[in-house]
Amino acid sequence: MEPFDRALRRRRHADARLVEADFLFEHIADELRARGAAAAPTARDVLDLGGPAPVWPGAARVALAPGHADVVADEDRLPFADASFDLVVSAAGLASVSDLPGALVQARRVLRPGGLFLACFAGGMTLAELRADLIAAESGLTGGAAARTAPMVEAQAAAGLLARAGFTMPVSDVERLTVRYRSLAALFDDLTAMGARSPLASRAPLRRDVLAATAANFAARADADGKTVVTVELLHLAGRAPGGDDGFERLKAVL
């Protein structure tokens, strides 16, 4: 069984209301645009791969749901010919791909020799505090904890995934942000608006008492102003398709 439900993942994106919580996506998009402009200044054919909204003006757009998309497809099932693009960018879309190694292979396949791949998505430390709150609540009430949060890529594994997908000069770096919320409900509202609620294929029902205890644990960690910190870890990935001008100095300069 695949770890993520493809149909549910599409619904999450279709139901997203990014305008209500676009601060994280806009941060990711700005960074990707800056890195792409610096490392691939002559790129003409660009593929904007997945994510909840367009990130690169004028690019061909692949998305999970209709609207603002040229092609509706999963990132690991790209319907493009080999060597079609100079640049592939992916903003906040790869964290919940069932076959991430396959998606990276697809990205490398559609790049021309020397073409650049840039991506940013949530890493393994994202919402670590919330996971701890939930585990403590559920284990305290039931004696155990079900798998409820999506598996995420650890920072140290990211560059290795690129290398195994056939990219040259694979590079990854980590950015950690903190966001503060008045309540657990407010955090859930933002995750829904971002299209970032978990699309796990196997999900156990969450009991109301466990949810209430999780909210209490979350609130107990609040600062003096009543807001609670959560961590967002962003993984930035970059790599070149083999062949062509390697552009090493340009790639190194932006990572």
Protein backbone atom coordinates (compact mmCIF):
# COMPACT_ATOMS: atom_id res chain seq x y z
CA MET A 1 0.00 0.00 0.00
CA GLU A 2 1.21 3.49 -0.81
CA PRO A 3 1.74 5.73 2.24
CA PHE A 4 -0.49 8.52 0.88
CA ASP A 5 -4.01 8.38 -0.53
CA ARG A 6 -3.75 9.96 -4.00
CA ALA A 7 -7.46 10.83 -4.20
CA LEU A 8 -7.46 12.40 -0.72
CA ARG A 9 -4.32 14.34 -1.58
CA ARG A 10 -6.11 15.79 -4.62
CA ARG A 11 -9.10 16.75 -2.49
CA ARG A 12 -6.86 18.47 0.05
CA HIS A 13 -5.39 20.63 -2.73
CA ALA A 14 -8.76 21.25 -4.38
CA ASP A 15 -10.23 22.43 -1.07
CA ALA A 16 -7.29 24.65 -0.15
CA ARG A 17 -7.99 28.33 0.49
CA LEU A 18 -4.42 29.56 0.26
CA VAL A 19 -5.42 33.22 0.33
CA GLU A 20 -6.36 32.69 4.00
CA ALA A 21 -2.90 31.37 4.96
CA ASP A 22 -0.39 32.13 2.23
CA PHE A 23 2.49 33.39 4.41
CA LEU A 24 4.49 30.15 4.30
CA PHE A 25 3.91 29.46 0.62
CA GLU A 26 4.88 33.01 -0.33
CA HIS A 27 8.11 32.66 1.66
CA ILE A 28 8.92 29.42 -0.19
CA ALA A 29 7.95 30.87 -3.58
CA ASP A 30 10.07 33.99 -3.09
CA GLU A 31 13.10 31.89 -2.17
CA LEU A 32 12.66 29.54 -5.13
CA ARG A 33 12.31 32.42 -7.57
CA ALA A 34 15.44 34.07 -6.22
CA ARG A 35 17.46 30.87 -6.40
CA GLY A 36 16.17 30.00 -9.85
CA ALA A 37 16.95 33.45 -11.25
CA ALA A 38 20.49 33.26 -9.87
CA ALA A 39 21.31 29.66 -10.82
CA ALA A 40 19.41 29.37 -14.13
CA PRO A 41 19.18 32.93 -15.51
CA THR A 42 18.74 31.79 -19.13
CA ALA A 43 16.06 29.15 -18.51
CA ARG A 44 13.28 29.45 -21.10
CA ASP A 45 11.14 26.35 -20.66
CA VAL A 46 10.15 26.00 -17.01
CA LEU A 47 7.98 23.41 -15.29
CA ASP A 48 6.15 24.49 -12.13
CA LEU A 49 5.68 21.14 -10.42
CA GLY A 50 2.88 20.60 -7.91
CA GLY A 51 2.22 22.69 -4.83
CA PRO A 52 -0.96 24.56 -3.93
CA ALA A 53 -0.46 27.57 -6.25
CA PRO A 54 1.68 28.75 -9.20
CA VAL A 55 5.16 29.90 -8.32
CA TRP A 56 6.91 30.72 -11.62
CA PRO A 57 5.27 33.19 -14.05
CA GLY A 58 4.90 31.80 -17.55
CA ALA A 59 5.85 28.24 -16.59
CA ALA A 60 4.02 25.10 -17.63
CA ARG A 61 2.06 24.13 -14.52
CA VAL A 62 1.40 20.65 -13.14
CA ALA A 63 -1.02 20.50 -10.21
CA LEU A 64 -3.13 17.96 -8.36
CA ALA A 65 -6.39 19.82 -8.90
CA PRO A 66 -7.89 21.83 -11.79
CA GLY A 67 -7.51 25.59 -11.79
CA HIS A 68 -4.24 27.41 -12.44
CA ALA A 69 -2.90 24.22 -14.04
CA ASP A 70 -1.99 23.20 -17.57
CA VAL A 71 -1.87 19.52 -16.61
CA VAL A 72 -3.49 17.68 -13.70
CA ALA A 73 -1.13 14.89 -12.67
CA ASP A 74 0.82 13.43 -9.79
CA GLU A 75 4.43 14.51 -9.51
CA ASP A 76 5.66 10.92 -9.88
CA ARG A 77 3.63 10.42 -13.10
CA LEU A 78 4.62 13.29 -15.37
CA PRO A 79 3.14 13.20 -18.92
CA PHE A 80 6.01 15.03 -20.62
CA ALA A 81 8.66 13.90 -23.07
CA ASP A 82 12.25 13.51 -21.99
CA ALA A 83 14.40 16.65 -22.00
CA SER A 84 11.49 19.09 -22.28
CA PHE A 85 12.53 21.75 -19.75
CA ASP A 86 15.49 23.88 -18.70
CA LEU A 87 14.25 24.34 -15.15
CA VAL A 88 11.89 22.44 -12.85
CA VAL A 89 10.71 24.15 -9.65
CA SER A 90 8.53 22.61 -6.96
CA ALA A 91 7.10 24.72 -4.14
CA ALA A 92 5.66 22.93 -1.10
CA GLY A 93 4.35 19.98 -3.09
CA LEU A 94 6.68 17.02 -2.58
CA ALA A 95 6.24 16.33 1.13
CA SER A 96 3.23 14.06 0.55
CA VAL A 97 4.20 12.31 -2.70
CA SER A 98 3.82 8.56 -2.30
CA ASP A 99 6.84 7.81 -4.49
CA LEU A 100 9.25 10.66 -3.81
CA PRO A 101 12.26 8.88 -5.39
CA GLY A 102 10.10 8.29 -8.47
CA ALA A 103 9.04 11.95 -8.57
CA LEU A 104 12.69 13.03 -8.47
CA VAL A 105 13.51 10.61 -11.28
CA GLN A 106 10.65 12.08 -13.30
CA ALA A 107 11.92 15.62 -12.68
CA ARG A 108 15.40 14.64 -13.83
CA ARG A 109 13.99 12.82 -16.88
CA VAL A 110 12.11 15.86 -18.20
CA LEU A 111 15.12 18.16 -17.78
CA ARG A 112 17.46 18.89 -20.63
CA PRO A 113 21.17 18.14 -20.12
CA GLY A 114 22.49 20.58 -17.54
CA GLY A 115 18.95 21.63 -16.56
CA LEU A 116 18.27 22.66 -12.98
CA PHE A 117 15.88 21.21 -10.42
CA LEU A 118 14.86 23.30 -7.39
CA ALA A 119 12.42 22.26 -4.70
CA CYS A 120 11.34 23.26 -1.23
CA PHE A 121 9.04 21.28 1.02
CA ALA A 122 8.41 20.47 4.67
CA GLY A 123 11.00 18.29 6.38
CA GLY A 124 10.99 15.85 9.25
CA MET A 125 11.08 18.35 12.13
CA THR A 126 7.95 20.18 10.95
CA LEU A 127 5.30 20.28 13.71
CA ALA A 128 7.48 18.13 15.95
CA GLU A 129 5.95 19.80 19.00
CA LEU A 130 2.41 18.99 17.85
CA ARG A 131 3.36 15.36 17.26
CA ALA A 132 4.70 15.19 20.81
CA ASP A 133 1.51 16.76 22.17
CA LEU A 134 -0.62 14.23 20.30
CA ILE A 135 1.45 11.20 21.30
CA ALA A 136 1.41 12.24 24.95
CA ALA A 137 -2.36 12.76 24.88
CA GLU A 138 -3.21 9.52 23.12
CA SER A 139 -0.79 7.31 25.04
CA GLY A 140 -2.03 8.80 28.31
CA LEU A 141 -5.67 8.02 27.49
CA THR A 142 -5.37 4.77 25.52
CA GLY A 143 -1.99 3.31 26.42
CA GLY A 144 -0.73 3.62 22.85
CA ALA A 145 -0.46 5.99 19.90
CA ALA A 146 -1.60 5.39 16.32
CA ALA A 147 0.23 6.67 13.26
CA ARG A 148 -1.49 9.96 12.48
CA THR A 149 1.18 12.21 11.01
CA ALA A 150 2.70 11.85 7.58
CA PRO A 151 6.20 10.41 7.20
CA MET A 152 8.60 13.19 6.23
CA VAL A 153 12.05 13.34 4.68
CA GLU A 154 14.88 13.89 7.14
CA ALA A 155 17.33 16.64 6.22
CA GLN A 156 20.36 14.34 6.09
CA ALA A 157 18.67 12.08 3.53
CA ALA A 158 17.60 14.78 1.05
CA ALA A 159 20.81 15.13 -0.99
CA GLY A 160 21.12 11.35 -1.15
CA LEU A 161 17.67 11.08 -2.71
CA LEU A 162 18.73 13.52 -5.43
CA ALA A 163 21.91 11.55 -6.14
CA ARG A 164 20.00 8.28 -6.40
CA ALA A 165 17.59 9.94 -8.83
CA GLY A 166 20.51 10.69 -11.15
CA PHE A 167 21.14 14.37 -10.43
CA THR A 168 24.67 15.73 -10.45
CA MET A 169 25.88 18.16 -7.77
CA PRO A 170 22.99 17.32 -5.40
CA VAL A 171 22.70 19.92 -2.68
CA SER A 172 20.31 20.31 0.22
CA ASP A 173 20.04 22.86 2.99
CA VAL A 174 17.66 23.35 5.90
CA GLU A 175 15.71 26.38 7.03
CA ARG A 176 13.80 26.35 10.29
CA LEU A 177 10.99 28.79 10.99
CA THR A 178 8.81 29.23 14.03
CA VAL A 179 5.15 30.15 13.86
CA ARG A 180 2.99 31.00 16.87
CA TYR A 181 -0.69 30.13 17.27
CA ARG A 182 -3.38 31.17 19.71
CA SER A 183 -4.88 27.65 19.73
CA LEU A 184 -4.62 24.21 18.18
CA ALA A 185 -7.81 24.95 16.25
CA ALA A 186 -6.16 27.98 14.63
CA LEU A 187 -3.22 25.81 13.55
CA PHE A 188 -5.58 23.23 12.04
CA ASP A 189 -7.44 26.00 10.20
CA ASP A 190 -4.19 27.16 8.57
CA LEU A 191 -3.16 23.62 7.63
CA THR A 192 -6.54 23.14 5.95
CA ALA A 193 -6.27 26.45 4.09
CA MET A 194 -2.77 25.49 2.90
CA GLY A 195 -3.96 22.10 1.65
CA ALA A 196 -1.47 20.58 4.08
CA ARG A 197 -3.63 18.30 6.22
CA SER A 198 -2.32 14.74 6.28
CA PRO A 199 -3.41 12.55 3.32
CA LEU A 200 -2.23 9.30 4.92
CA ALA A 201 -3.75 6.24 3.27
CA SER A 202 -4.17 4.46 6.61
CA ARG A 203 -5.74 6.68 9.26
CA ALA A 204 -7.20 5.72 12.62
CA PRO A 205 -10.13 7.81 13.89
CA LEU A 206 -9.13 10.48 16.39
CA ARG A 207 -11.17 10.27 19.58
CA ARG A 208 -12.66 13.50 20.89
CA ASP A 209 -11.04 13.09 24.29
CA VAL A 210 -7.64 12.60 22.65
CA LEU A 211 -8.14 15.74 20.56
CA ALA A 212 -9.17 17.70 23.65
CA ALA A 213 -6.13 16.47 25.57
CA THR A 214 -3.89 17.37 22.65
CA ALA A 215 -5.34 20.88 22.59
CA ALA A 216 -4.71 21.15 26.34
CA ASN A 217 -1.08 20.03 25.91
CA PHE A 218 -0.67 22.54 23.09
CA ALA A 219 -2.09 25.36 25.23
CA ALA A 220 0.10 24.38 28.18
CA ARG A 221 3.20 25.22 26.13
CA ALA A 222 1.99 28.74 25.36
CA ASP A 223 4.13 31.79 25.97
CA ALA A 224 3.01 34.55 28.32
CA ASP A 225 0.90 36.14 25.57
CA GLY A 226 -1.09 32.92 25.10
CA LYS A 227 0.50 31.87 21.80
CA THR A 228 2.24 28.52 21.28
CA VAL A 229 5.30 27.99 19.10
CA VAL A 230 5.42 25.35 16.37
CA THR A 231 8.42 24.59 14.17
CA VAL A 232 8.37 24.45 10.37
CA GLU A 233 11.43 22.84 8.81
CA LEU A 234 11.92 23.60 5.13
CA LEU A 235 14.18 21.43 2.99
CA HIS A 236 15.70 23.20 -0.01
CA LEU A 237 16.92 20.83 -2.73
CA ALA A 238 18.89 21.54 -5.89
CA GLY A 239 20.53 19.42 -8.55
CA ARG A 240 21.54 19.41 -12.20
CA ALA A 241 20.56 16.94 -14.89
CA PRO A 242 23.71 15.25 -16.21
CA GLY A 243 25.48 16.83 -19.17
CA GLY A 244 25.61 20.37 -20.52
CA ASP A 245 27.09 23.31 -18.66
CA ASP A 246 27.25 22.18 -15.06
CA GLY A 247 26.79 25.72 -13.73
CA PHE A 248 28.52 24.71 -10.51
CA GLU A 249 29.52 28.17 -9.40
CA ARG A 250 26.01 29.55 -9.98
CA LEU A 251 24.44 26.64 -8.12
CA LYS A 252 26.87 26.92 -5.22
CA ALA A 253 26.29 30.65 -4.91
CA VAL A 254 22.59 30.37 -4.12
CA LEU A 255 22.66 27.45 -1.66
